[in-house]
Amino acid sequence: MRVWLLLLSILILGACSPFEQKSTYDETKKMVIDVQKTEDGKAFWEHSMQDPKFMDSMAKSMTAQQKELMKQLMTDPAYMKEWEEFWKQPTQQQELEKLLKSSSL
């Protein structure tokens, strides 16, 4: 508990510093990756992955992101053109035909 209070105090005091420090995206990314490689970082992820609430929340957020991405892609003309080209390939048409014949739909 003392460690958390100390870290919180350092964070608050650091944020109130008269010197403005702006870190770039790459610097922040490097720091996060470095932290995740430490033993504490690894322990955090191992513990989090075992927590059903965390995993449920993560799955739901990913589902929402995937839905939004699919909506964007389905209205993108370039993406739709790629799909048309993909399904025009004879091998893909044959695979789809096999799939449809084998399904009970």
Protein backbone atom coordinates (compact mmCIF):
# COMPACT_ATOMS: atom_id res chain seq x y z
CA MET A 1 0.00 0.00 0.00
CA ARG A 2 2.87 2.36 0.83
CA VAL A 3 4.43 1.69 -2.55
CA TRP A 4 1.22 2.73 -4.32
CA LEU A 5 0.99 5.92 -2.26
CA LEU A 6 4.62 6.72 -3.05
CA LEU A 7 4.09 6.10 -6.77
CA LEU A 8 0.90 8.18 -6.77
CA SER A 9 2.72 11.02 -4.97
CA ILE A 10 5.57 10.95 -7.47
CA LEU A 11 3.10 10.96 -10.35
CA ILE A 12 1.17 13.92 -8.94
CA LEU A 13 4.31 15.90 -8.17
CA GLY A 14 5.77 15.08 -11.56
CA ALA A 15 2.61 16.31 -13.27
CA CYS A 16 2.85 19.63 -11.39
CA SER A 17 6.43 20.18 -12.43
CA PRO A 18 7.18 23.62 -13.94
CA PHE A 19 9.07 21.92 -16.76
CA GLU A 20 6.80 20.65 -19.44
CA GLN A 21 7.90 17.27 -20.64
CA LYS A 22 6.18 15.92 -23.70
CA SER A 23 6.92 12.39 -24.68
CA THR A 24 6.35 11.26 -28.18
CA TYR A 25 4.31 8.24 -29.13
CA ASP A 26 7.48 6.22 -29.80
CA GLU A 27 8.98 7.10 -26.41
CA THR A 28 5.75 6.17 -24.62
CA LYS A 29 5.49 2.93 -26.60
CA LYS A 30 9.07 2.00 -25.71
CA MET A 31 8.43 2.68 -22.00
CA VAL A 32 5.27 0.55 -21.97
CA ILE A 33 7.02 -2.32 -23.74
CA ASP A 34 9.98 -2.08 -21.34
CA VAL A 35 7.65 -2.20 -18.32
CA GLN A 36 5.83 -5.23 -19.72
CA LYS A 37 9.13 -7.09 -20.03
CA THR A 38 9.92 -6.73 -16.33
CA GLU A 39 8.98 -9.43 -13.84
CA ASP A 40 6.29 -7.16 -12.37
CA GLY A 41 4.86 -6.50 -15.81
CA LYS A 42 4.78 -10.19 -16.67
CA ALA A 43 3.16 -10.99 -13.30
CA PHE A 44 0.51 -8.33 -13.93
CA TRP A 45 -0.49 -9.87 -17.28
CA GLU A 46 -0.44 -13.41 -15.92
CA HIS A 47 -2.70 -12.34 -13.05
CA SER A 48 -4.98 -10.32 -15.35
CA MET A 49 -5.41 -13.16 -17.82
CA GLN A 50 -6.65 -15.40 -15.01
CA ASP A 51 -9.27 -12.86 -13.92
CA PRO A 52 -12.64 -13.76 -15.55
CA LYS A 53 -13.92 -10.18 -15.26
CA PHE A 54 -10.84 -8.81 -17.03
CA MET A 55 -11.07 -11.40 -19.80
CA ASP A 56 -14.79 -10.79 -20.27
CA SER A 57 -14.23 -7.05 -20.49
CA MET A 58 -11.38 -7.52 -22.93
CA ALA A 59 -13.45 -9.83 -25.15
CA LYS A 60 -16.38 -7.40 -25.18
CA SER A 61 -14.19 -4.44 -26.08
CA MET A 62 -12.54 -6.40 -28.88
CA THR A 63 -15.93 -7.42 -30.21
CA ALA A 64 -17.08 -3.80 -30.28
CA GLN A 65 -13.89 -2.76 -32.07
CA GLN A 66 -14.26 -5.57 -34.59
CA LYS A 67 -17.85 -4.61 -35.32
CA GLU A 68 -16.86 -0.99 -35.89
CA LEU A 69 -13.99 -2.04 -38.14
CA MET A 70 -16.28 -4.28 -40.20
CA LYS A 71 -18.78 -1.44 -40.64
CA GLN A 72 -16.00 0.81 -41.91
CA LEU A 73 -14.61 -1.84 -44.24
CA MET A 74 -17.98 -2.75 -45.73
CA THR A 75 -18.49 0.85 -46.84
CA ASP A 76 -14.96 1.24 -48.22
CA PRO A 77 -15.05 0.94 -52.04
CA ALA A 78 -11.40 -0.18 -52.25
CA TYR A 79 -12.01 -2.99 -49.75
CA MET A 80 -15.13 -4.13 -51.58
CA LYS A 81 -13.18 -4.17 -54.86
CA GLU A 82 -10.57 -6.44 -53.24
CA TRP A 83 -13.33 -8.84 -52.12
CA GLU A 84 -14.78 -8.91 -55.63
CA GLU A 85 -11.37 -9.80 -57.05
CA PHE A 86 -10.90 -12.46 -54.37
CA TRP A 87 -14.22 -14.19 -55.14
CA LYS A 88 -13.61 -14.06 -58.89
CA GLN A 89 -10.72 -16.50 -58.48
CA PRO A 90 -11.78 -19.96 -59.69
CA THR A 91 -10.27 -21.71 -56.68
CA GLN A 92 -12.28 -19.55 -54.29
CA GLN A 93 -15.47 -20.16 -56.23
CA GLN A 94 -14.85 -23.90 -56.08
CA GLU A 95 -14.20 -23.81 -52.34
CA LEU A 96 -17.36 -21.79 -51.75
CA GLU A 97 -19.36 -24.22 -53.88
CA LYS A 98 -18.02 -27.19 -51.85
CA LEU A 99 -18.85 -25.44 -48.63
CA LEU A 100 -22.39 -24.61 -49.70
CA LYS A 101 -23.04 -28.16 -50.92
CA SER A 102 -21.74 -29.67 -47.68
CA SER A 103 -23.69 -27.38 -45.37
CA SER A 104 -27.22 -28.04 -44.28
CA LEU A 105 -28.35 -24.47 -44.88
